[in-house]
Amino acid sequence: MPRTRTISQLQKELAARQAQVRKLQSRRASLAKRLDALERQIAVVTGTGRAVKATKKKKAGRRTTAKKVKRAKNKQSLANVLAQVLKGKKGVKIPEAVKLVLGAGYTSTSKQFQAIVN
């Protein structure tokens, strides 16, 4: 049976979690400063670079998205094509099913098409 909580209990839980997040973010920032200092020391000792003052990190902004790949348009869904290709066949392995589906004219730009067919 699911536990039900009151609004005040949920608010307390939310406040506790937000406090924990702030504490962890502060810890991460201090660790990042220490790591940056160590990296600068390593660069000086190894001679791979010059010692540069740490620069402020930019605030998180919009993430850039990866280049969009044009989506393949098929007349039938993958499920329908699979059903037609595998009709009457038993014990077909995944790589073989992928070849049959692609051979039937289904197009995909996915790098992991075999996982989708699975």
C-alpha atoms as a PDB file:
ATOM      1  CA  MET A   1       0.000   0.000   0.000  1.00  0.00           C
ATOM      2  CA  PRO A   2       1.529   3.368  -0.995  1.00  0.00           C
ATOM      3  CA  ARG A   3       2.519   5.794   1.734  1.00  0.00           C
ATOM      4  CA  THR A   4       0.713   9.091   1.650  1.00  0.00           C
ATOM      5  CA  ARG A   5       2.434  12.198   2.933  1.00  0.00           C
ATOM      6  CA  THR A   6       1.062  15.528   3.944  1.00  0.00           C
ATOM      7  CA  ILE A   7       2.044  18.684   2.129  1.00  0.00           C
ATOM      8  CA  SER A   8       4.097  19.862   5.102  1.00  0.00           C
ATOM      9  CA  GLN A   9       6.037  16.579   5.126  1.00  0.00           C
ATOM     10  CA  LEU A  10       6.721  16.932   1.410  1.00  0.00           C
ATOM     11  CA  GLN A  11       7.849  20.540   1.884  1.00  0.00           C
ATOM     12  CA  LYS A  12      10.256  19.484   4.647  1.00  0.00           C
ATOM     13  CA  GLU A  13      11.648  16.731   2.436  1.00  0.00           C
ATOM     14  CA  LEU A  14      12.076  19.178  -0.452  1.00  0.00           C
ATOM     15  CA  ALA A  15      13.824  21.725   1.775  1.00  0.00           C
ATOM     16  CA  ALA A  16      16.179  19.061   3.117  1.00  0.00           C
ATOM     17  CA  ARG A  17      17.070  17.899  -0.370  1.00  0.00           C
ATOM     18  CA  GLN A  18      17.622  21.451  -1.597  1.00  0.00           C
ATOM     19  CA  ALA A  19      19.964  22.082   1.338  1.00  0.00           C
ATOM     20  CA  GLN A  20      21.838  18.898   0.507  1.00  0.00           C
ATOM     21  CA  VAL A  21      22.173  19.984  -3.133  1.00  0.00           C
ATOM     22  CA  ARG A  22      23.564  23.384  -2.100  1.00  0.00           C
ATOM     23  CA  LYS A  23      26.083  21.694   0.203  1.00  0.00           C
ATOM     24  CA  LEU A  24      27.188  19.282  -2.523  1.00  0.00           C
ATOM     25  CA  GLN A  25      27.494  22.082  -5.087  1.00  0.00           C
ATOM     26  CA  SER A  26      29.663  24.069  -2.691  1.00  0.00           C
ATOM     27  CA  ARG A  27      31.862  21.038  -2.102  1.00  0.00           C
ATOM     28  CA  ARG A  28      32.134  20.450  -5.852  1.00  0.00           C
ATOM     29  CA  ALA A  29      33.213  24.064  -6.404  1.00  0.00           C
ATOM     30  CA  SER A  30      35.947  23.845  -3.773  1.00  0.00           C
ATOM     31  CA  LEU A  31      37.179  20.527  -5.183  1.00  0.00           C
ATOM     32  CA  ALA A  32      37.225  22.034  -8.677  1.00  0.00           C
ATOM     33  CA  LYS A  33      39.433  24.866  -7.410  1.00  0.00           C
ATOM     34  CA  ARG A  34      41.824  22.393  -5.807  1.00  0.00           C
ATOM     35  CA  LEU A  35      41.930  20.296  -8.966  1.00  0.00           C
ATOM     36  CA  ASP A  36      42.643  23.363 -11.088  1.00  0.00           C
ATOM     37  CA  ALA A  37      45.523  24.307  -8.796  1.00  0.00           C
ATOM     38  CA  LEU A  38      46.952  20.789  -9.044  1.00  0.00           C
ATOM     39  CA  GLU A  39      46.681  20.822 -12.828  1.00  0.00           C
ATOM     40  CA  ARG A  40      48.556  24.123 -12.961  1.00  0.00           C
ATOM     41  CA  GLN A  41      51.290  22.727 -10.716  1.00  0.00           C
ATOM     42  CA  ILE A  42      51.607  19.648 -12.917  1.00  0.00           C
ATOM     43  CA  ALA A  43      51.864  21.852 -16.000  1.00  0.00           C
ATOM     44  CA  VAL A  44      54.665  23.872 -14.404  1.00  0.00           C
ATOM     45  CA  VAL A  45      56.605  20.796 -13.274  1.00  0.00           C
ATOM     46  CA  THR A  46      56.272  18.896 -16.536  1.00  0.00           C
ATOM     47  CA  GLY A  47      56.776  21.952 -18.695  1.00  0.00           C
ATOM     48  CA  THR A  48      53.747  21.119 -20.816  1.00  0.00           C
ATOM     49  CA  GLY A  49      52.249  24.505 -20.404  1.00  0.00           C
ATOM     50  CA  ARG A  50      52.606  27.756 -18.623  1.00  0.00           C
ATOM     51  CA  ALA A  51      51.093  28.490 -15.280  1.00  0.00           C
ATOM     52  CA  VAL A  52      47.918  30.397 -15.896  1.00  0.00           C
ATOM     53  CA  LYS A  53      45.604  31.871 -13.340  1.00  0.00           C
ATOM     54  CA  ALA A  54      42.358  30.039 -12.980  1.00  0.00           C
ATOM     55  CA  THR A  55      39.596  31.634 -14.952  1.00  0.00           C
ATOM     56  CA  LYS A  56      36.051  31.854 -13.797  1.00  0.00           C
ATOM     57  CA  LYS A  57      33.830  29.234 -15.236  1.00  0.00           C
ATOM     58  CA  LYS A  58      30.966  30.440 -17.305  1.00  0.00           C
ATOM     59  CA  LYS A  59      27.561  29.941 -15.842  1.00  0.00           C
ATOM     60  CA  ALA A  60      25.593  27.115 -17.283  1.00  0.00           C
ATOM     61  CA  GLY A  61      23.667  28.319 -20.259  1.00  0.00           C
ATOM     62  CA  ARG A  62      21.889  26.664 -23.081  1.00  0.00           C
ATOM     63  CA  ARG A  63      23.536  23.504 -24.161  1.00  0.00           C
ATOM     64  CA  THR A  64      24.350  23.201 -27.788  1.00  0.00           C
ATOM     65  CA  THR A  65      22.695  20.281 -29.413  1.00  0.00           C
ATOM     66  CA  ALA A  66      24.418  17.827 -31.644  1.00  0.00           C
ATOM     67  CA  LYS A  67      24.066  18.177 -35.369  1.00  0.00           C
ATOM     68  CA  LYS A  68      20.670  16.872 -36.314  1.00  0.00           C
ATOM     69  CA  VAL A  69      20.484  13.937 -38.648  1.00  0.00           C
ATOM     70  CA  LYS A  70      17.555  13.856 -40.984  1.00  0.00           C
ATOM     71  CA  ARG A  71      15.051  11.290 -39.780  1.00  0.00           C
ATOM     72  CA  ALA A  72      14.311   8.423 -42.126  1.00  0.00           C
ATOM     73  CA  LYS A  73      10.687   8.328 -43.299  1.00  0.00           C
ATOM     74  CA  ASN A  74       9.227   4.905 -43.887  1.00  0.00           C
ATOM     75  CA  LYS A  75       5.814   3.967 -45.200  1.00  0.00           C
ATOM     76  CA  GLN A  76       5.370   1.300 -42.533  1.00  0.00           C
ATOM     77  CA  SER A  77       6.432   1.076 -38.920  1.00  0.00           C
ATOM     78  CA  LEU A  78       9.332  -1.112 -37.910  1.00  0.00           C
ATOM     79  CA  ALA A  79       6.959  -3.422 -36.044  1.00  0.00           C
ATOM     80  CA  ASN A  80       4.881  -4.011 -39.177  1.00  0.00           C
ATOM     81  CA  VAL A  81       7.927  -4.619 -41.360  1.00  0.00           C
ATOM     82  CA  LEU A  82       9.359  -7.029 -38.782  1.00  0.00           C
ATOM     83  CA  ALA A  83       6.070  -8.913 -38.601  1.00  0.00           C
ATOM     84  CA  GLN A  84       5.935  -9.267 -42.390  1.00  0.00           C
ATOM     85  CA  VAL A  85       9.568 -10.296 -42.744  1.00  0.00           C
ATOM     86  CA  LEU A  86       9.456 -12.840 -39.927  1.00  0.00           C
ATOM     87  CA  LYS A  87       6.091 -14.315 -40.867  1.00  0.00           C
ATOM     88  CA  GLY A  88       6.411 -18.099 -40.963  1.00  0.00           C
ATOM     89  CA  LYS A  89      10.068 -18.095 -39.907  1.00  0.00           C
ATOM     90  CA  LYS A  90      11.276 -19.581 -36.645  1.00  0.00           C
ATOM     91  CA  GLY A  91      14.508 -19.073 -34.748  1.00  0.00           C
ATOM     92  CA  VAL A  92      15.737 -15.976 -36.587  1.00  0.00           C
ATOM     93  CA  LYS A  93      18.670 -14.288 -34.858  1.00  0.00           C
ATOM     94  CA  ILE A  94      18.804 -10.523 -34.397  1.00  0.00           C
ATOM     95  CA  PRO A  95      21.532  -9.766 -36.989  1.00  0.00           C
ATOM     96  CA  GLU A  96      19.644 -11.846 -39.536  1.00  0.00           C
ATOM     97  CA  ALA A  97      16.389 -10.027 -38.707  1.00  0.00           C
ATOM     98  CA  VAL A  98      18.172  -6.690 -39.201  1.00  0.00           C
ATOM     99  CA  LYS A  99      19.348  -7.770 -42.655  1.00  0.00           C
ATOM    100  CA  LEU A 100      15.847  -8.939 -43.570  1.00  0.00           C
ATOM    101  CA  VAL A 101      14.251  -5.668 -42.431  1.00  0.00           C
ATOM    102  CA  LEU A 102      16.786  -3.525 -44.278  1.00  0.00           C
ATOM    103  CA  GLY A 103      16.458  -5.785 -47.309  1.00  0.00           C
ATOM    104  CA  ALA A 104      12.702  -5.208 -47.277  1.00  0.00           C
ATOM    105  CA  GLY A 105      13.327  -1.511 -47.880  1.00  0.00           C
ATOM    106  CA  TYR A 106      13.094  -0.161 -44.345  1.00  0.00           C
ATOM    107  CA  THR A 107      15.538   2.713 -43.870  1.00  0.00           C
ATOM    108  CA  SER A 108      17.177   3.835 -40.652  1.00  0.00           C
ATOM    109  CA  THR A 109      19.956   6.267 -39.800  1.00  0.00           C
ATOM    110  CA  SER A 110      20.460   4.781 -36.338  1.00  0.00           C
ATOM    111  CA  LYS A 111      23.934   3.606 -35.397  1.00  0.00           C
ATOM    112  CA  GLN A 112      22.330   1.125 -33.020  1.00  0.00           C
ATOM    113  CA  PHE A 113      19.648  -0.236 -35.314  1.00  0.00           C
ATOM    114  CA  GLN A 114      20.306  -3.781 -34.140  1.00  0.00           C
ATOM    115  CA  ALA A 115      19.390  -2.779 -30.577  1.00  0.00           C
ATOM    116  CA  ILE A 116      16.170  -1.210 -31.830  1.00  0.00           C
ATOM    117  CA  VAL A 117      15.212  -4.359 -33.713  1.00  0.00           C
ATOM    118  CA  ASN A 118      15.964  -6.398 -30.620  1.00  0.00           C
END
